[in-house]
Every structure is written in structure tokens, then in C-alpha cells.
Amino acid sequence: MSLRRILTAFAAATAAAVAVLMPTVAHAAPNAAFPVSEDQFNQMFPSRNQFYTYAGLTDALSAYPGFANTGSDTVKKQEAAAFLANVNHETGGLQYIVEQNTDNYPHYCDTTQSYGCPAGNDAYYGRGPIQLSWNFNYKSAGDALGIDLLNNPFLVEQDAAVSWKTGLWYWNTQTGPGTMTPHDAMVNGNGFGETIRSINGSIECNGGNPGQVQSRIDAYTNFAGILGVDPGANLSC
């Protein structure tokens, strides 16, 4: 046997021995199997604005790998349906990128914040799937996502992935007027009703606007049906 063959054989044997001795480490891909297919997404939003792409949504998932990726397959589908149902309500079926009432635009600058409103007093209106608004929310979301949304809030209406990320930021990290994040409400079994409370609180819940609550519930049960999952209990707030 030539020296080259001896060295090659020795290297192969050494590699094999190391492979046996080293433990196998599994690296799960975050949201490797998002429970909503593109066809199902299109079925949920047949009249959506083309800005809200499925690819933009799936690209945004890496920001919060626990979203729709925690618990049983049933819980994963329920959370995806719950998020998209609230998004559906906030955006008119993903038709609206920005808040439609322009009279509200100057009202979302909290001048008590030390950083002020560098993009302009009327620049922090509702945008994206959860209609992110107020300068302090743009600051907090941007800080969490590593994007300067305080100085450039317009990114939320220009970049689909950024837009979806702001929705996921609120869903996964903010309790709003509720007592838990919408993500926790779904994965801990509190039910869809608590996601409504975390988004709009007493404006809709506790008899505030039962029609709006029912609209969200109807969307959720419809989307759960598309995903083939039982919507669970505690649908109202």
C-alpha cells in the first residue's frame, strides 16, 4: 500500500472513531414547519393587498421562533389561526397597510418621551398587520428587532418582513391592556378571548363592543377550520 493510501485510510479511521465518540447534537430549525401553508394563507385572505406576502410572513418568523412552534400540533395551529384572525380584523382582511383615518395621524406622538418624534409628529400612525402606532411602540419594537423604527417608521409600510415582525413583536412580547401576551394566552390554554383582551381590552371586552369581539371570533373559528383544528374553549372576552 502506498504512503498516500495509508494516510488516507488512517484519516478515515480516525474520523470514524471521533464520530462514534462525539455525541450527536440536534439543531432544530426554528419554525421549520409553519402550520399554515401558502395555499391556506391565500384561502384565508383572498382579497389581501399584495404587500402582505406569505414569504414576508415566513421570513419574519425567525424573530420569534416560539411563535406557532410551541406545544402540541393542535396548539401550534390554534396560535397561528388566532394571530391571523386578529390580523384579519385589524387590517380588513390584510387589505390595509396603514391606518385609514388620517385625522388620527398627529395624535400618536407622545411628547413626554425623551426621544420625542424624530420622524415627525404625524409619522407614527398605525401600520402593518397589528397596526403598530405611537412613537414609544415604534421605539420599543425597533429596539427589540434591531431596526431603527423610531427614525424610520415608514419601513413598516415598505418592507413586508419588517411589517410582519412588528406584528409578531406585539403578539409575543406585549400584554397591552390585558394581563398576558397573546402568545402566552394561546400556549397556556387561556383561550382566544384573552388575545382580544391583550389587543383592545375594555374597548371591546366586557361588553365594550360585542360585535367586534364576535367578528374576531368568527375569523378565528373560520381559520381554525381551514387548518383542521378545534378552536378550543374561552373564545370570548
Protein backbone atom coordinates (compact mmCIF):
# COMPACT_ATOMS: atom_id res chain seq x y z
CA MET A 1 0.00 0.00 0.00
CA SER A 2 1.36 3.44 -0.90
CA LEU A 3 2.03 6.09 1.74
CA ARG A 4 -0.85 8.17 0.36
CA ARG A 5 -3.30 5.26 0.75
CA ILE A 6 -2.02 4.54 4.28
CA LEU A 7 -2.53 8.17 5.31
CA THR A 8 -5.99 8.28 3.69
CA ALA A 9 -7.06 5.10 5.46
CA PHE A 10 -5.72 6.40 8.79
CA ALA A 11 -7.62 9.68 8.38
CA ALA A 12 -10.85 7.88 7.56
CA ALA A 13 -10.48 5.56 10.55
CA THR A 14 -9.74 8.50 12.86
CA ALA A 15 -12.78 10.41 11.61
CA ALA A 16 -14.97 7.38 12.14
CA ALA A 17 -13.68 6.93 15.68
CA VAL A 18 -14.32 10.58 16.52
CA ALA A 19 -17.83 10.31 15.09
CA VAL A 20 -18.55 7.37 17.39
CA LEU A 21 -17.15 9.11 20.46
CA MET A 22 -18.75 12.52 19.90
CA PRO A 23 -22.41 12.88 20.97
CA THR A 24 -24.95 13.75 18.34
CA VAL A 25 -26.32 17.27 18.74
CA ALA A 26 -29.70 18.01 17.21
CA HIS A 27 -30.25 21.51 15.91
CA ALA A 28 -33.93 22.18 15.33
CA ALA A 29 -34.72 24.72 12.65
CA PRO A 30 -36.95 27.42 14.16
CA ASN A 31 -40.43 27.32 12.63
CA ALA A 32 -39.25 24.67 10.19
CA ALA A 33 -42.87 23.66 9.69
CA PHE A 34 -45.09 26.74 9.99
CA PRO A 35 -48.57 25.22 10.34
CA VAL A 36 -50.13 27.44 7.66
CA SER A 37 -49.30 26.62 4.05
CA GLU A 38 -49.24 29.28 1.34
CA ASP A 39 -52.44 27.85 -0.14
CA GLN A 40 -54.16 28.07 3.24
CA PHE A 41 -52.87 31.62 3.71
CA ASN A 42 -54.32 32.60 0.34
CA GLN A 43 -57.62 30.92 1.28
CA MET A 44 -57.74 32.96 4.49
CA PHE A 45 -57.01 36.25 2.72
CA PRO A 46 -58.48 36.06 -0.79
CA SER A 47 -58.58 39.87 -1.20
CA ARG A 48 -55.33 40.75 0.53
CA ASN A 49 -53.05 43.56 -0.54
CA GLN A 50 -50.09 42.06 -2.38
CA PHE A 51 -47.78 43.83 0.07
CA TYR A 52 -48.64 41.19 2.67
CA THR A 53 -46.79 38.28 1.13
CA TYR A 54 -46.62 34.79 2.56
CA ALA A 55 -42.85 34.92 2.08
CA GLY A 56 -42.73 38.12 4.14
CA LEU A 57 -44.53 36.32 6.96
CA THR A 58 -42.33 33.23 6.88
CA ASP A 59 -39.20 35.38 6.66
CA ALA A 60 -40.32 37.19 9.82
CA LEU A 61 -40.80 34.01 11.86
CA SER A 62 -37.10 33.78 12.77
CA ALA A 63 -37.54 36.83 15.01
CA TYR A 64 -39.77 34.81 17.36
CA PRO A 65 -39.07 31.10 16.91
CA GLY A 66 -41.52 30.09 19.63
CA PHE A 67 -44.47 31.55 17.71
CA ALA A 68 -46.77 28.82 16.36
CA ASN A 69 -43.97 26.45 17.27
CA THR A 70 -44.69 25.75 20.94
CA GLY A 71 -46.61 22.81 22.39
CA SER A 72 -48.64 20.22 20.52
CA ASP A 73 -49.53 20.40 16.84
CA THR A 74 -53.03 21.44 17.93
CA VAL A 75 -51.70 24.38 19.96
CA LYS A 76 -49.38 25.44 17.14
CA LYS A 77 -52.28 25.56 14.68
CA GLN A 78 -54.53 27.33 17.19
CA GLU A 79 -51.93 30.02 17.79
CA ALA A 80 -51.34 30.57 14.08
CA ALA A 81 -55.10 30.82 13.49
CA ALA A 82 -55.52 33.19 16.46
CA PHE A 83 -52.77 35.54 15.30
CA LEU A 84 -54.03 35.63 11.73
CA ALA A 85 -57.64 36.13 12.87
CA ASN A 86 -56.68 39.21 14.86
CA VAL A 87 -54.57 40.42 11.95
CA ASN A 88 -57.57 39.89 9.70
CA HIS A 89 -59.67 42.11 11.95
CA GLU A 90 -57.07 44.85 12.30
CA THR A 91 -56.41 45.16 8.56
CA GLY A 92 -59.74 44.37 6.92
CA GLY A 93 -58.54 41.02 5.68
CA LEU A 94 -54.96 42.22 5.05
CA GLN A 95 -56.21 44.94 2.72
CA TYR A 96 -54.92 47.90 4.74
CA ILE A 97 -51.23 48.59 5.23
CA VAL A 98 -51.74 51.88 7.04
CA GLU A 99 -54.42 53.34 9.29
CA GLN A 100 -57.25 54.66 7.17
CA ASN A 101 -58.30 57.59 9.35
CA THR A 102 -55.64 60.17 8.56
CA ASP A 103 -57.14 62.58 11.11
CA ASN A 104 -55.59 60.38 13.79
CA TYR A 105 -52.07 60.65 12.45
CA PRO A 106 -50.94 63.68 14.52
CA HIS A 107 -52.24 62.07 17.74
CA TYR A 108 -49.62 59.33 18.07
CA CYS A 109 -46.64 61.40 19.21
CA ASP A 110 -46.12 61.17 22.96
CA THR A 111 -44.03 64.28 23.58
CA THR A 112 -43.29 63.24 27.16
CA GLN A 113 -40.84 60.64 25.82
CA SER A 114 -37.24 61.89 25.97
CA TYR A 115 -36.53 60.77 22.40
CA GLY A 116 -39.53 62.63 21.01
CA CYS A 117 -40.75 62.05 17.47
CA PRO A 118 -37.74 62.48 15.17
CA ALA A 119 -39.63 61.32 12.07
CA GLY A 120 -42.32 63.97 12.60
CA ASN A 121 -45.31 64.36 14.88
CA ASP A 122 -47.64 62.72 12.37
CA ALA A 123 -45.35 59.80 11.42
CA TYR A 124 -46.35 57.18 14.00
CA TYR A 125 -49.79 56.18 12.76
CA GLY A 126 -50.98 52.59 12.59
CA ARG A 127 -49.12 50.34 10.18
CA GLY A 128 -48.80 46.66 9.47
CA PRO A 129 -50.71 43.54 10.50
CA ILE A 130 -51.36 44.69 14.08
CA GLN A 131 -51.45 48.39 13.12
CA LEU A 132 -48.46 49.44 15.22
CA SER A 133 -48.89 53.02 16.44
CA TRP A 134 -47.34 55.59 18.83
CA ASN A 135 -43.71 56.68 18.89
CA PHE A 136 -42.96 54.63 22.03
CA ASN A 137 -44.20 51.44 20.37
CA TYR A 138 -42.08 52.09 17.28
CA LYS A 139 -39.10 52.69 19.60
CA SER A 140 -39.71 49.52 21.62
CA ALA A 141 -40.41 47.33 18.59
CA GLY A 142 -37.39 48.68 16.74
CA ASP A 143 -35.10 48.14 19.72
CA ALA A 144 -36.34 44.54 20.10
CA LEU A 145 -35.95 43.78 16.39
CA GLY A 146 -32.69 45.63 15.83
CA ILE A 147 -34.29 48.05 13.38
CA ASP A 148 -34.39 51.85 13.80
CA LEU A 149 -38.14 52.29 13.55
CA LEU A 150 -38.18 55.43 15.67
CA ASN A 151 -36.30 57.37 13.00
CA ASN A 152 -37.79 55.44 10.09
CA PRO A 153 -41.28 54.19 10.95
CA PHE A 154 -42.05 54.10 7.23
CA LEU A 155 -40.18 50.79 6.95
CA VAL A 156 -43.27 49.11 8.41
CA GLU A 157 -45.26 50.03 5.31
CA GLN A 158 -42.39 49.46 2.86
CA ASP A 159 -40.87 46.11 3.86
CA ALA A 160 -43.19 43.11 4.22
CA ALA A 161 -40.90 41.16 6.56
CA VAL A 162 -40.41 44.19 8.83
CA SER A 163 -44.14 44.74 8.84
CA TRP A 164 -44.86 41.15 9.88
CA LYS A 165 -42.11 41.31 12.51
CA THR A 166 -43.80 44.25 14.22
CA GLY A 167 -47.00 42.21 14.44
CA LEU A 168 -45.10 39.26 15.87
CA TRP A 169 -43.30 41.59 18.29
CA TYR A 170 -46.59 42.74 19.77
CA TRP A 171 -48.08 39.24 19.80
CA ASN A 172 -45.14 37.61 21.53
CA THR A 173 -43.95 40.32 23.93
CA GLN A 174 -46.71 42.80 24.76
CA THR A 175 -49.61 42.40 27.17
CA GLY A 176 -51.28 45.61 26.03
CA PRO A 177 -54.38 46.29 28.14
CA GLY A 178 -54.55 42.61 29.11
CA THR A 179 -52.64 40.56 31.68
CA MET A 180 -50.66 38.29 29.36
CA THR A 181 -49.19 38.28 25.88
CA PRO A 182 -51.41 36.83 23.14
CA HIS A 183 -48.74 34.15 22.64
CA ASP A 184 -48.98 33.09 26.29
CA ALA A 185 -52.77 33.15 26.13
CA MET A 186 -52.74 30.55 23.37
CA VAL A 187 -49.90 28.29 24.51
CA ASN A 188 -51.02 28.25 28.16
CA GLY A 189 -54.61 27.36 27.35
CA ASN A 190 -56.28 30.64 28.34
CA GLY A 191 -58.04 30.80 25.01
CA PHE A 192 -58.64 33.14 22.10
CA GLY A 193 -60.66 35.59 24.17
CA GLU A 194 -57.57 36.65 26.08
CA THR A 195 -55.78 37.55 22.86
CA ILE A 196 -58.59 40.03 22.14
CA ARG A 197 -58.21 41.50 25.63
CA SER A 198 -54.46 41.93 25.10
CA ILE A 199 -55.05 43.81 21.86
CA ASN A 200 -58.06 46.00 22.62
CA GLY A 201 -59.01 45.43 26.26
CA SER A 202 -62.21 47.03 27.52
CA ILE A 203 -62.74 48.84 24.22
CA GLU A 204 -64.14 45.51 23.02
CA CYS A 205 -64.17 43.14 26.02
CA ASN A 206 -66.57 43.08 28.99
CA GLY A 207 -69.39 44.29 26.77
CA GLY A 208 -67.39 47.19 25.29
CA ASN A 209 -68.13 46.17 21.72
CA PRO A 210 -69.55 42.65 21.43
CA GLY A 211 -69.93 42.96 17.67
CA GLN A 212 -66.21 43.49 17.20
CA VAL A 213 -65.43 40.60 19.54
CA GLN A 214 -67.74 38.31 17.56
CA SER A 215 -66.10 39.40 14.32
CA ARG A 216 -62.72 38.30 15.66
CA ILE A 217 -64.18 35.02 16.94
CA ASP A 218 -65.81 34.30 13.57
CA ALA A 219 -62.49 34.82 11.80
CA TYR A 220 -60.70 32.60 14.29
CA THR A 221 -63.14 29.71 14.01
CA ASN A 222 -63.03 30.02 10.22
CA PHE A 223 -59.23 29.94 10.14
CA ALA A 224 -59.11 27.07 12.63
CA GLY A 225 -61.41 25.19 10.28
CA ILE A 226 -59.09 25.83 7.35
CA LEU A 227 -56.23 24.41 9.42
CA GLY A 228 -58.36 21.46 10.53
CA VAL A 229 -58.07 22.16 14.25
CA ASP A 230 -60.62 22.59 17.04
CA PRO A 231 -60.64 26.25 18.15
CA GLY A 232 -60.76 25.29 21.83
CA ALA A 233 -62.60 26.96 24.69
CA ASN A 234 -62.82 30.54 26.08
CA LEU A 235 -63.31 32.19 22.72
CA SER A 236 -64.83 35.43 24.04
CA CYS A 237 -63.71 38.09 26.48
